Amino acid sequence: MDKTTCHSYFAICSNGEISVGGLQSTEAGVFDPDRITKILCIEPFKKHKKGDRRKQVKDENHPSANYGFSSWSACYQTEPTLDAEEQCLSIVRELKEKVSFLLDIKKKYDVSFSIIIVPHIYNEETPALVISKEIIEFCYLTDTEIGIDMYVYDKEDASTE
């Protein structure tokens, strides 16, 4: 039987507008993810640059065949599986000494910062979701938003997954 889990990560993404092909970044929002890796000295688990080909879109002529924005995601947390606060604290503590670099990135590029929390909830078992003062302070200092991308499965789904 599947159990409730949670993972969290930090993301830098181009700002822009939603159009037919998805998010289209402003010109100032285009960045090279490898440059972000070099600045922060943190290896991302996922990255792409505006114009990179999306692997999941088979039709190369489809409006969303290529990414319309740049993105860099790192600090991936999976433990403890039911404590999103502890995951967010791990992210914040990894980035705390890099606030000045993050602010430089934000000044140079039109980007947004996010801490993304992704709970997968089975059988109404819920993960802890507390946002401590330390997390709030980091988000305030860096203009970072917190997003929750929640997946909830009912009892029938849990038994067939």
C-alpha atoms as a PDB file:
ATOM      1  CA  MET A   1       0.000   0.000   0.000  1.00  0.00           C
ATOM      2  CA  ASP A   2       1.251   3.485  -0.836  1.00  0.00           C
ATOM      3  CA  LYS A   3       2.082   5.859   1.987  1.00  0.00           C
ATOM      4  CA  THR A   4       1.910   9.620   2.137  1.00  0.00           C
ATOM      5  CA  THR A   5       5.193  11.252   1.172  1.00  0.00           C
ATOM      6  CA  CYS A   6       6.467  14.724   0.510  1.00  0.00           C
ATOM      7  CA  HIS A   7       9.370  16.227  -1.398  1.00  0.00           C
ATOM      8  CA  SER A   8      10.472  19.849  -1.648  1.00  0.00           C
ATOM      9  CA  TYR A   9      12.925  21.878  -3.698  1.00  0.00           C
ATOM     10  CA  PHE A  10      14.103  25.393  -4.593  1.00  0.00           C
ATOM     11  CA  ALA A  11      13.470  26.761  -8.093  1.00  0.00           C
ATOM     12  CA  ILE A  12      14.540  29.772 -10.124  1.00  0.00           C
ATOM     13  CA  CYS A  13      12.283  30.455 -13.103  1.00  0.00           C
ATOM     14  CA  SER A  14      11.982  33.178 -15.727  1.00  0.00           C
ATOM     15  CA  ASN A  15       9.128  35.608 -15.245  1.00  0.00           C
ATOM     16  CA  GLY A  16       6.869  36.061 -18.247  1.00  0.00           C
ATOM     17  CA  GLU A  17       3.379  35.680 -19.645  1.00  0.00           C
ATOM     18  CA  ILE A  18       1.258  32.608 -20.310  1.00  0.00           C
ATOM     19  CA  SER A  19       0.472  32.066 -23.995  1.00  0.00           C
ATOM     20  CA  VAL A  20      -0.551  29.192 -26.299  1.00  0.00           C
ATOM     21  CA  GLY A  21       2.819  27.457 -25.847  1.00  0.00           C
ATOM     22  CA  GLY A  22       2.867  27.931 -22.055  1.00  0.00           C
ATOM     23  CA  LEU A  23       5.001  30.407 -20.116  1.00  0.00           C
ATOM     24  CA  GLN A  24       6.983  32.751 -22.372  1.00  0.00           C
ATOM     25  CA  SER A  25       9.729  34.586 -20.535  1.00  0.00           C
ATOM     26  CA  THR A  26      10.530  38.234 -20.818  1.00  0.00           C
ATOM     27  CA  GLU A  27      13.794  38.909 -22.654  1.00  0.00           C
ATOM     28  CA  ALA A  28      15.402  39.879 -19.337  1.00  0.00           C
ATOM     29  CA  GLY A  29      14.264  36.562 -17.827  1.00  0.00           C
ATOM     30  CA  VAL A  30      16.325  34.362 -20.148  1.00  0.00           C
ATOM     31  CA  PHE A  31      19.289  32.891 -18.289  1.00  0.00           C
ATOM     32  CA  ASP A  32      21.782  30.088 -18.717  1.00  0.00           C
ATOM     33  CA  PRO A  33      21.151  27.509 -15.958  1.00  0.00           C
ATOM     34  CA  ASP A  34      24.822  26.540 -16.021  1.00  0.00           C
ATOM     35  CA  ARG A  35      25.664  30.117 -15.046  1.00  0.00           C
ATOM     36  CA  ILE A  36      23.343  29.833 -12.011  1.00  0.00           C
ATOM     37  CA  THR A  37      25.057  26.559 -11.047  1.00  0.00           C
ATOM     38  CA  LYS A  38      28.434  28.279 -11.227  1.00  0.00           C
ATOM     39  CA  ILE A  39      27.283  31.308  -9.194  1.00  0.00           C
ATOM     40  CA  LEU A  40      25.617  29.277  -6.415  1.00  0.00           C
ATOM     41  CA  CYS A  41      27.997  26.272  -6.467  1.00  0.00           C
ATOM     42  CA  ILE A  42      24.985  23.974  -6.169  1.00  0.00           C
ATOM     43  CA  GLU A  43      24.255  21.236  -8.701  1.00  0.00           C
ATOM     44  CA  PRO A  44      20.624  21.283  -9.926  1.00  0.00           C
ATOM     45  CA  PHE A  45      18.559  18.126 -10.300  1.00  0.00           C
ATOM     46  CA  LYS A  46      16.621  19.711 -13.182  1.00  0.00           C
ATOM     47  CA  LYS A  47      17.353  22.623 -15.520  1.00  0.00           C
ATOM     48  CA  HIS A  48      16.568  23.985 -18.953  1.00  0.00           C
ATOM     49  CA  LYS A  49      17.154  27.121 -20.972  1.00  0.00           C
ATOM     50  CA  LYS A  50      14.581  28.960 -23.057  1.00  0.00           C
ATOM     51  CA  GLY A  51      14.496  27.273 -26.452  1.00  0.00           C
ATOM     52  CA  ASP A  52      15.574  23.823 -25.215  1.00  0.00           C
ATOM     53  CA  ARG A  53      13.480  20.980 -26.632  1.00  0.00           C
ATOM     54  CA  ARG A  54      10.851  19.426 -24.353  1.00  0.00           C
ATOM     55  CA  LYS A  55      11.358  15.661 -24.362  1.00  0.00           C
ATOM     56  CA  GLN A  56       7.708  14.858 -23.587  1.00  0.00           C
ATOM     57  CA  VAL A  57       6.314  16.754 -26.645  1.00  0.00           C
ATOM     58  CA  LYS A  58       6.593  14.485 -29.701  1.00  0.00           C
ATOM     59  CA  ASP A  59       5.363  16.985 -32.357  1.00  0.00           C
ATOM     60  CA  GLU A  60       8.261  19.392 -32.948  1.00  0.00           C
ATOM     61  CA  ASN A  61       5.853  21.883 -34.573  1.00  0.00           C
ATOM     62  CA  HIS A  62       3.595  22.037 -31.506  1.00  0.00           C
ATOM     63  CA  PRO A  63       3.644  25.509 -29.835  1.00  0.00           C
ATOM     64  CA  SER A  64       5.027  23.978 -26.633  1.00  0.00           C
ATOM     65  CA  ALA A  65       7.704  21.797 -28.313  1.00  0.00           C
ATOM     66  CA  ASN A  66      10.426  24.051 -26.876  1.00  0.00           C
ATOM     67  CA  TYR A  67      10.642  25.650 -23.458  1.00  0.00           C
ATOM     68  CA  GLY A  68       9.586  29.290 -23.512  1.00  0.00           C
ATOM     69  CA  PHE A  69      11.431  30.072 -20.291  1.00  0.00           C
ATOM     70  CA  SER A  70      14.574  29.197 -18.361  1.00  0.00           C
ATOM     71  CA  SER A  71      14.461  27.167 -15.156  1.00  0.00           C
ATOM     72  CA  TRP A  72      16.892  25.862 -12.528  1.00  0.00           C
ATOM     73  CA  SER A  73      15.810  23.542  -9.679  1.00  0.00           C
ATOM     74  CA  ALA A  74      18.006  22.289  -6.834  1.00  0.00           C
ATOM     75  CA  CYS A  75      18.151  21.468  -3.125  1.00  0.00           C
ATOM     76  CA  TYR A  76      15.840  18.480  -3.650  1.00  0.00           C
ATOM     77  CA  GLN A  77      14.624  17.129  -0.288  1.00  0.00           C
ATOM     78  CA  THR A  78      12.894  13.801   0.322  1.00  0.00           C
ATOM     79  CA  GLU A  79      13.623  13.117   4.013  1.00  0.00           C
ATOM     80  CA  PRO A  80      11.856  13.204   6.405  1.00  0.00           C
ATOM     81  CA  THR A  81       8.983  12.137   4.198  1.00  0.00           C
ATOM     82  CA  LEU A  82       6.125  13.569   6.276  1.00  0.00           C
ATOM     83  CA  ASP A  83       7.671  16.827   7.503  1.00  0.00           C
ATOM     84  CA  ALA A  84       7.611  19.558   4.865  1.00  0.00           C
ATOM     85  CA  GLU A  85       8.856  22.111   7.405  1.00  0.00           C
ATOM     86  CA  GLU A  86      12.051  20.124   7.993  1.00  0.00           C
ATOM     87  CA  GLN A  87      12.537  19.826   4.231  1.00  0.00           C
ATOM     88  CA  CYS A  88      12.075  23.590   3.769  1.00  0.00           C
ATOM     89  CA  LEU A  89      14.471  24.299   6.645  1.00  0.00           C
ATOM     90  CA  SER A  90      17.102  22.134   4.937  1.00  0.00           C
ATOM     91  CA  ILE A  91      16.653  24.162   1.747  1.00  0.00           C
ATOM     92  CA  VAL A  92      16.808  27.491   3.585  1.00  0.00           C
ATOM     93  CA  ARG A  93      19.896  26.470   5.553  1.00  0.00           C
ATOM     94  CA  GLU A  94      21.657  25.357   2.364  1.00  0.00           C
ATOM     95  CA  LEU A  95      20.898  28.717   0.707  1.00  0.00           C
ATOM     96  CA  LYS A  96      21.230  31.041   3.729  1.00  0.00           C
ATOM     97  CA  GLU A  97      24.881  31.903   3.005  1.00  0.00           C
ATOM     98  CA  LYS A  98      24.008  32.574  -0.641  1.00  0.00           C
ATOM     99  CA  VAL A  99      21.405  35.317  -0.153  1.00  0.00           C
ATOM    100  CA  SER A 100      23.663  37.996  -1.681  1.00  0.00           C
ATOM    101  CA  PHE A 101      24.217  35.788  -4.766  1.00  0.00           C
ATOM    102  CA  LEU A 102      20.477  35.170  -5.065  1.00  0.00           C
ATOM    103  CA  LEU A 103      19.802  38.908  -4.871  1.00  0.00           C
ATOM    104  CA  ASP A 104      22.421  39.499  -7.595  1.00  0.00           C
ATOM    105  CA  ILE A 105      20.708  36.892  -9.790  1.00  0.00           C
ATOM    106  CA  LYS A 106      17.350  38.576  -9.239  1.00  0.00           C
ATOM    107  CA  LYS A 107      18.855  41.978 -10.082  1.00  0.00           C
ATOM    108  CA  LYS A 108      20.480  40.678 -13.280  1.00  0.00           C
ATOM    109  CA  TYR A 109      17.550  38.557 -14.560  1.00  0.00           C
ATOM    110  CA  ASP A 110      13.769  38.876 -14.489  1.00  0.00           C
ATOM    111  CA  VAL A 111      13.213  35.714 -12.421  1.00  0.00           C
ATOM    112  CA  SER A 112      11.193  34.403  -9.522  1.00  0.00           C
ATOM    113  CA  PHE A 113      12.349  32.191  -6.666  1.00  0.00           C
ATOM    114  CA  SER A 114      10.160  29.455  -5.214  1.00  0.00           C
ATOM    115  CA  ILE A 115      10.297  26.793  -2.574  1.00  0.00           C
ATOM    116  CA  ILE A 116       8.024  24.084  -3.935  1.00  0.00           C
ATOM    117  CA  ILE A 117       6.449  21.558  -1.557  1.00  0.00           C
ATOM    118  CA  VAL A 118       4.976  18.453  -3.226  1.00  0.00           C
ATOM    119  CA  PRO A 119       2.945  16.221  -0.895  1.00  0.00           C
ATOM    120  CA  HIS A 120       1.459  12.959  -2.226  1.00  0.00           C
ATOM    121  CA  ILE A 121      -1.384  12.162   0.160  1.00  0.00           C
ATOM    122  CA  TYR A 122      -2.869   8.658   0.424  1.00  0.00           C
ATOM    123  CA  ASN A 123      -5.810   7.552   2.543  1.00  0.00           C
ATOM    124  CA  GLU A 124      -6.249  10.962   4.178  1.00  0.00           C
ATOM    125  CA  GLU A 125      -2.852  10.713   5.914  1.00  0.00           C
ATOM    126  CA  THR A 126      -1.453  14.247   5.825  1.00  0.00           C
ATOM    127  CA  PRO A 127       2.121  15.498   6.053  1.00  0.00           C
ATOM    128  CA  ALA A 128       3.040  18.228   8.527  1.00  0.00           C
ATOM    129  CA  LEU A 129       2.884  21.661   6.899  1.00  0.00           C
ATOM    130  CA  VAL A 130       4.292  24.394   9.133  1.00  0.00           C
ATOM    131  CA  ILE A 131       6.198  27.409   7.855  1.00  0.00           C
ATOM    132  CA  SER A 132       8.608  28.546  10.570  1.00  0.00           C
ATOM    133  CA  LYS A 133       9.947  32.059  11.169  1.00  0.00           C
ATOM    134  CA  GLU A 134      13.335  31.013   9.747  1.00  0.00           C
ATOM    135  CA  ILE A 135      11.686  29.983   6.467  1.00  0.00           C
ATOM    136  CA  ILE A 136       9.563  33.145   6.375  1.00  0.00           C
ATOM    137  CA  GLU A 137      12.622  35.340   7.005  1.00  0.00           C
ATOM    138  CA  PHE A 138      14.543  33.711   4.122  1.00  0.00           C
ATOM    139  CA  CYS A 139      11.545  34.094   1.813  1.00  0.00           C
ATOM    140  CA  TYR A 140      11.190  37.749   2.802  1.00  0.00           C
ATOM    141  CA  LEU A 141      14.895  38.530   2.293  1.00  0.00           C
ATOM    142  CA  THR A 142      15.017  36.856  -1.129  1.00  0.00           C
ATOM    143  CA  ASP A 143      11.464  37.530  -2.368  1.00  0.00           C
ATOM    144  CA  THR A 144      10.854  33.776  -2.524  1.00  0.00           C
ATOM    145  CA  GLU A 145       7.336  32.401  -2.760  1.00  0.00           C
ATOM    146  CA  ILE A 146       6.194  29.065  -1.376  1.00  0.00           C
ATOM    147  CA  GLY A 147       4.188  26.845  -3.700  1.00  0.00           C
ATOM    148  CA  ILE A 148       2.334  23.688  -2.747  1.00  0.00           C
ATOM    149  CA  ASP A 149       1.732  21.197  -5.546  1.00  0.00           C
ATOM    150  CA  MET A 150      -0.524  18.690  -3.802  1.00  0.00           C
ATOM    151  CA  TYR A 151      -1.518  15.251  -5.067  1.00  0.00           C
ATOM    152  CA  VAL A 152      -4.391  13.587  -3.185  1.00  0.00           C
ATOM    153  CA  TYR A 153      -5.389   9.999  -3.874  1.00  0.00           C
ATOM    154  CA  ASP A 154      -8.553   8.396  -2.558  1.00  0.00           C
ATOM    155  CA  LYS A 155      -8.630   4.896  -1.124  1.00  0.00           C
ATOM    156  CA  GLU A 156      -9.425   3.282  -4.493  1.00  0.00           C
ATOM    157  CA  ASP A 157      -6.505   5.108  -6.143  1.00  0.00           C
ATOM    158  CA  ALA A 158      -4.127   4.067  -3.376  1.00  0.00           C
ATOM    159  CA  SER A 159      -4.835   0.382  -3.882  1.00  0.00           C
ATOM    160  CA  THR A 160      -4.348   0.496  -7.672  1.00  0.00           C
ATOM    161  CA  GLU A 161      -1.240   2.722  -7.902  1.00  0.00           C
END
